[in-house]
């Protein structure tokens, strides 16, 4: 029996908060997925409505000096700043959450693909470096053969070694 009464009280409270009665100054406009409440009231000096957010504190710290814009959804930030005339609905917020999840999934897949591609490029670069080192070692061995050719034999069997003159310094 207590559940219908609390439900009835909640509905009556919600109805009272959202209605604009002549004796009330402000009205509840909506909620976000974190439980924050968004309110507005007419400006006493005229002009556009005043809008504000009542943060839902999960820790019940109620520290008004600590505020992070990241805790307010972008759609509600736009409404608070009068960039958006119509308040966002829960469906809009849920759709945006789904979009964010899809984008994050795609970003994760791209990061994984890039990591694989980076490994492939690194392996190809290492293989290329090994080939360059191998060719350099072959060339240096050939140069050593050419440079280390010494004269051989004595008398009739004498064969001179190779000689490459160097540039003289002037």
C-alpha atoms as a PDB file:
ATOM      1  CA  UNK A   1       0.000   0.000   0.000  1.00  0.00           C
ATOM      2  CA  UNK A   2       2.922   2.351   0.663  1.00  0.00           C
ATOM      3  CA  UNK A   3       4.255   2.031  -2.879  1.00  0.00           C
ATOM      4  CA  UNK A   4       1.183   3.568  -4.592  1.00  0.00           C
ATOM      5  CA  UNK A   5       1.149   6.388  -2.023  1.00  0.00           C
ATOM      6  CA  UNK A   6       4.807   7.230  -2.649  1.00  0.00           C
ATOM      7  CA  UNK A   7       4.193   6.944  -6.361  1.00  0.00           C
ATOM      8  CA  UNK A   8       1.176   9.239  -6.027  1.00  0.00           C
ATOM      9  CA  UNK A   9       3.185  11.701  -3.953  1.00  0.00           C
ATOM     10  CA  UNK A  10       6.011  11.617  -6.460  1.00  0.00           C
ATOM     11  CA  UNK A  11       3.619  12.272  -9.319  1.00  0.00           C
ATOM     12  CA  UNK A  12       1.962  15.152  -7.456  1.00  0.00           C
ATOM     13  CA  UNK A  13       5.365  16.636  -6.580  1.00  0.00           C
ATOM     14  CA  UNK A  14       6.578  16.304 -10.159  1.00  0.00           C
ATOM     15  CA  UNK A  15       3.381  17.873 -11.483  1.00  0.00           C
ATOM     16  CA  UNK A  16       3.664  20.784  -9.059  1.00  0.00           C
ATOM     17  CA  UNK A  17       7.324  21.383  -9.941  1.00  0.00           C
ATOM     18  CA  UNK A  18       6.696  21.399 -13.692  1.00  0.00           C
ATOM     19  CA  UNK A  19       3.533  23.547 -13.764  1.00  0.00           C
ATOM     20  CA  UNK A  20       3.578  27.323 -13.922  1.00  0.00           C
ATOM     21  CA  UNK A  21       1.109  28.535 -11.345  1.00  0.00           C
ATOM     22  CA  UNK A  22       0.571  32.284 -10.800  1.00  0.00           C
ATOM     23  CA  UNK A  23       2.017  32.126  -7.278  1.00  0.00           C
ATOM     24  CA  UNK A  24       5.132  30.194  -8.368  1.00  0.00           C
ATOM     25  CA  UNK A  25       8.190  31.977  -9.735  1.00  0.00           C
ATOM     26  CA  UNK A  26      10.137  29.083 -11.201  1.00  0.00           C
ATOM     27  CA  UNK A  27       9.363  25.798 -12.925  1.00  0.00           C
ATOM     28  CA  UNK A  28      11.202  22.538 -13.443  1.00  0.00           C
ATOM     29  CA  UNK A  29      12.002  22.092 -17.126  1.00  0.00           C
ATOM     30  CA  UNK A  30      13.605  18.676 -17.140  1.00  0.00           C
ATOM     31  CA  UNK A  31      16.215  16.168 -16.005  1.00  0.00           C
ATOM     32  CA  UNK A  32      19.343  14.712 -17.497  1.00  0.00           C
ATOM     33  CA  UNK A  33      20.612  11.141 -17.254  1.00  0.00           C
ATOM     34  CA  UNK A  34      22.681  12.004 -14.145  1.00  0.00           C
ATOM     35  CA  UNK A  35      19.613  13.230 -12.219  1.00  0.00           C
ATOM     36  CA  UNK A  36      20.423  16.953 -12.458  1.00  0.00           C
ATOM     37  CA  UNK A  37      17.361  19.232 -12.501  1.00  0.00           C
ATOM     38  CA  UNK A  38      17.031  22.195 -14.873  1.00  0.00           C
ATOM     39  CA  UNK A  39      14.903  25.157 -13.876  1.00  0.00           C
ATOM     40  CA  UNK A  40      13.870  28.516 -15.281  1.00  0.00           C
ATOM     41  CA  UNK A  41      11.945  31.574 -14.160  1.00  0.00           C
ATOM     42  CA  UNK A  42      10.978  34.915 -15.693  1.00  0.00           C
ATOM     43  CA  UNK A  43      13.522  37.695 -15.348  1.00  0.00           C
ATOM     44  CA  UNK A  44      12.114  40.309 -12.923  1.00  0.00           C
ATOM     45  CA  UNK A  45      13.621  43.071 -15.075  1.00  0.00           C
ATOM     46  CA  UNK A  46      12.077  41.669 -18.240  1.00  0.00           C
ATOM     47  CA  UNK A  47      13.827  39.993 -21.128  1.00  0.00           C
ATOM     48  CA  UNK A  48      14.656  36.358 -21.492  1.00  0.00           C
ATOM     49  CA  UNK A  49      14.101  33.681 -18.871  1.00  0.00           C
ATOM     50  CA  UNK A  50      16.700  32.920 -16.227  1.00  0.00           C
ATOM     51  CA  UNK A  51      17.918  29.342 -16.397  1.00  0.00           C
ATOM     52  CA  UNK A  52      19.952  27.258 -13.957  1.00  0.00           C
ATOM     53  CA  UNK A  53      20.843  23.720 -13.009  1.00  0.00           C
ATOM     54  CA  UNK A  54      20.368  22.051  -9.634  1.00  0.00           C
ATOM     55  CA  UNK A  55      23.127  19.440  -9.483  1.00  0.00           C
ATOM     56  CA  UNK A  56      22.332  15.989  -8.144  1.00  0.00           C
ATOM     57  CA  UNK A  57      25.100  15.132  -5.688  1.00  0.00           C
ATOM     58  CA  UNK A  58      25.627  11.415  -5.358  1.00  0.00           C
ATOM     59  CA  UNK A  59      28.009  11.918  -2.429  1.00  0.00           C
ATOM     60  CA  UNK A  60      25.715  14.453  -0.707  1.00  0.00           C
ATOM     61  CA  UNK A  61      28.670  16.821  -0.326  1.00  0.00           C
ATOM     62  CA  UNK A  62      26.651  19.813  -1.557  1.00  0.00           C
ATOM     63  CA  UNK A  63      29.870  21.743  -2.114  1.00  0.00           C
ATOM     64  CA  UNK A  64      28.758  24.646  -4.287  1.00  0.00           C
ATOM     65  CA  UNK A  65      32.342  25.752  -4.908  1.00  0.00           C
ATOM     66  CA  UNK A  66      33.084  22.653  -6.997  1.00  0.00           C
ATOM     67  CA  UNK A  67      31.432  22.696 -10.391  1.00  0.00           C
ATOM     68  CA  UNK A  68      32.508  20.925 -13.540  1.00  0.00           C
ATOM     69  CA  UNK A  69      30.929  21.615 -16.904  1.00  0.00           C
ATOM     70  CA  UNK A  70      31.702  18.034 -17.853  1.00  0.00           C
ATOM     71  CA  UNK A  71      28.958  16.902 -15.485  1.00  0.00           C
ATOM     72  CA  UNK A  72      26.340  18.746 -17.573  1.00  0.00           C
ATOM     73  CA  UNK A  73      25.432  17.292 -21.000  1.00  0.00           C
ATOM     74  CA  UNK A  74      26.151  19.448 -24.042  1.00  0.00           C
ATOM     75  CA  UNK A  75      22.476  19.733 -24.988  1.00  0.00           C
ATOM     76  CA  UNK A  76      21.613  21.099 -21.546  1.00  0.00           C
ATOM     77  CA  UNK A  77      24.602  23.461 -21.642  1.00  0.00           C
ATOM     78  CA  UNK A  78      23.242  24.886 -24.884  1.00  0.00           C
ATOM     79  CA  UNK A  79      19.810  25.305 -23.282  1.00  0.00           C
ATOM     80  CA  UNK A  80      21.309  27.011 -20.208  1.00  0.00           C
ATOM     81  CA  UNK A  81      23.194  29.472 -22.424  1.00  0.00           C
ATOM     82  CA  UNK A  82      20.072  30.230 -24.517  1.00  0.00           C
ATOM     83  CA  UNK A  83      21.674  28.711 -27.630  1.00  0.00           C
ATOM     84  CA  UNK A  84      18.861  26.191 -27.729  1.00  0.00           C
ATOM     85  CA  UNK A  85      15.249  27.287 -27.300  1.00  0.00           C
ATOM     86  CA  UNK A  86      13.707  23.894 -26.621  1.00  0.00           C
ATOM     87  CA  UNK A  87      14.952  21.807 -23.713  1.00  0.00           C
ATOM     88  CA  UNK A  88      16.385  18.417 -24.683  1.00  0.00           C
ATOM     89  CA  UNK A  89      14.384  15.304 -23.955  1.00  0.00           C
ATOM     90  CA  UNK A  90      15.557  12.087 -22.377  1.00  0.00           C
ATOM     91  CA  UNK A  91      15.330  10.464 -25.833  1.00  0.00           C
ATOM     92  CA  UNK A  92      17.734  13.104 -27.211  1.00  0.00           C
ATOM     93  CA  UNK A  93      20.174  12.394 -24.391  1.00  0.00           C
ATOM     94  CA  UNK A  94      19.911   8.618 -24.869  1.00  0.00           C
ATOM     95  CA  UNK A  95      20.423   8.965 -28.610  1.00  0.00           C
ATOM     96  CA  UNK A  96      23.517  11.082 -27.971  1.00  0.00           C
ATOM     97  CA  UNK A  97      24.846   8.488 -25.501  1.00  0.00           C
ATOM     98  CA  UNK A  98      24.406   5.790 -28.171  1.00  0.00           C
ATOM     99  CA  UNK A  99      26.173   8.000 -30.727  1.00  0.00           C
ATOM    100  CA  UNK A 100      29.057   8.573 -28.315  1.00  0.00           C
ATOM    101  CA  UNK A 101      29.336   4.820 -27.680  1.00  0.00           C
ATOM    102  CA  UNK A 102      29.431   4.150 -31.445  1.00  0.00           C
ATOM    103  CA  UNK A 103      32.084   6.830 -32.004  1.00  0.00           C
ATOM    104  CA  UNK A 104      34.182   5.510 -29.122  1.00  0.00           C
ATOM    105  CA  UNK A 105      33.908   1.965 -30.515  1.00  0.00           C
ATOM    106  CA  UNK A 106      35.004   3.155 -33.944  1.00  0.00           C
ATOM    107  CA  UNK A 107      37.879   5.123 -32.421  1.00  0.00           C
ATOM    108  CA  UNK A 108      38.988   2.042 -30.489  1.00  0.00           C
ATOM    109  CA  UNK A 109      38.873  -0.057 -33.687  1.00  0.00           C
ATOM    110  CA  UNK A 110      40.908   2.601 -35.525  1.00  0.00           C
ATOM    111  CA  UNK A 111      43.452   2.654 -32.699  1.00  0.00           C
ATOM    112  CA  UNK A 112      43.780  -1.143 -32.875  1.00  0.00           C
ATOM    113  CA  UNK A 113      44.151  -1.020 -36.675  1.00  0.00           C
ATOM    114  CA  UNK A 114      46.753   1.703 -36.389  1.00  0.00           C
ATOM    115  CA  UNK A 115      48.662  -0.298 -33.769  1.00  0.00           C
ATOM    116  CA  UNK A 116      48.699  -3.303 -36.131  1.00  0.00           C
ATOM    117  CA  UNK A 117      49.759  -1.120 -39.054  1.00  0.00           C
ATOM    118  CA  UNK A 118      52.465   0.482 -36.924  1.00  0.00           C
ATOM    119  CA  UNK A 119      53.840  -2.953 -36.033  1.00  0.00           C
ATOM    120  CA  UNK A 120      53.800  -3.965 -39.701  1.00  0.00           C
ATOM    121  CA  UNK A 121      55.632  -0.771 -40.675  1.00  0.00           C
ATOM    122  CA  UNK A 122      58.134  -1.286 -37.889  1.00  0.00           C
ATOM    123  CA  UNK A 123      58.777  -4.893 -38.967  1.00  0.00           C
ATOM    124  CA  UNK A 124      59.163  -3.786 -42.596  1.00  0.00           C
ATOM    125  CA  UNK A 125      61.574  -1.053 -41.522  1.00  0.00           C
ATOM    126  CA  UNK A 126      63.592  -3.527 -39.457  1.00  0.00           C
ATOM    127  CA  UNK A 127      63.712  -5.965 -42.396  1.00  0.00           C
ATOM    128  CA  UNK A 128      64.831  -3.143 -44.693  1.00  0.00           C
ATOM    129  CA  UNK A 129      67.480  -2.073 -42.182  1.00  0.00           C
ATOM    130  CA  UNK A 130      68.730  -5.670 -41.943  1.00  0.00           C
ATOM    131  CA  UNK A 131      68.964  -5.835 -45.753  1.00  0.00           C
ATOM    132  CA  UNK A 132      70.852  -2.524 -45.843  1.00  0.00           C
ATOM    133  CA  UNK A 133      73.235  -3.801 -43.146  1.00  0.00           C
ATOM    134  CA  UNK A 134      73.752  -7.042 -45.061  1.00  0.00           C
ATOM    135  CA  UNK A 135      74.509  -5.178 -48.303  1.00  0.00           C
ATOM    136  CA  UNK A 136      76.818  -2.807 -46.441  1.00  0.00           C
ATOM    137  CA  UNK A 137      78.699  -5.733 -44.911  1.00  0.00           C
ATOM    138  CA  UNK A 138      79.052  -7.350 -48.365  1.00  0.00           C
ATOM    139  CA  UNK A 139      80.343  -4.068 -49.814  1.00  0.00           C
ATOM    140  CA  UNK A 140      82.773  -3.575 -46.935  1.00  0.00           C
ATOM    141  CA  UNK A 141      84.014  -7.153 -47.364  1.00  0.00           C
ATOM    142  CA  UNK A 142      84.600  -6.478 -51.073  1.00  0.00           C
ATOM    143  CA  UNK A 143      86.395  -3.233 -50.237  1.00  0.00           C
ATOM    144  CA  UNK A 144      88.559  -5.065 -47.745  1.00  0.00           C
ATOM    145  CA  UNK A 145      89.417  -7.625 -50.402  1.00  0.00           C
ATOM    146  CA  UNK A 146      90.353  -4.863 -52.815  1.00  0.00           C
ATOM    147  CA  UNK A 147      92.293  -2.853 -50.236  1.00  0.00           C
ATOM    148  CA  UNK A 148      93.999  -5.853 -48.649  1.00  0.00           C
ATOM    149  CA  UNK A 149      95.431  -7.158 -51.885  1.00  0.00           C
ATOM    150  CA  UNK A 150      99.147  -7.270 -51.227  1.00  0.00           C
ATOM    151  CA  UNK A 151     101.931  -8.114 -53.659  1.00  0.00           C
ATOM    152  CA  UNK A 152     102.574 -11.835 -53.840  1.00  0.00           C
ATOM    153  CA  UNK A 153     105.476 -14.006 -54.829  1.00  0.00           C
ATOM    154  CA  UNK A 154     109.190 -13.425 -55.438  1.00  0.00           C
ATOM    155  CA  UNK A 155     111.177 -13.155 -58.598  1.00  0.00           C
ATOM    156  CA  UNK A 156     109.464 -14.660 -61.628  1.00  0.00           C
ATOM    157  CA  UNK A 157     106.204 -15.341 -59.748  1.00  0.00           C
ATOM    158  CA  UNK A 158     105.844 -11.762 -58.446  1.00  0.00           C
ATOM    159  CA  UNK A 159     102.380 -10.204 -58.876  1.00  0.00           C
ATOM    160  CA  UNK A 160     101.951  -6.648 -57.699  1.00  0.00           C
ATOM    161  CA  UNK A 161      99.034  -5.748 -55.412  1.00  0.00           C
ATOM    162  CA  UNK A 162      96.386  -3.215 -56.296  1.00  0.00           C
ATOM    163  CA  UNK A 163      97.125   0.366 -55.586  1.00  0.00           C
ATOM    164  CA  UNK A 164      94.762   3.287 -55.652  1.00  0.00           C
ATOM    165  CA  UNK A 165      96.461   6.631 -55.260  1.00  0.00           C
ATOM    166  CA  UNK A 166      94.838   9.125 -52.938  1.00  0.00           C
ATOM    167  CA  UNK A 167      94.454  12.795 -53.665  1.00  0.00           C
ATOM    168  CA  UNK A 168      97.339  14.823 -52.500  1.00  0.00           C
ATOM    169  CA  UNK A 169      96.614  17.662 -50.177  1.00  0.00           C
ATOM    170  CA  UNK A 170      97.822  20.988 -51.496  1.00  0.00           C
END
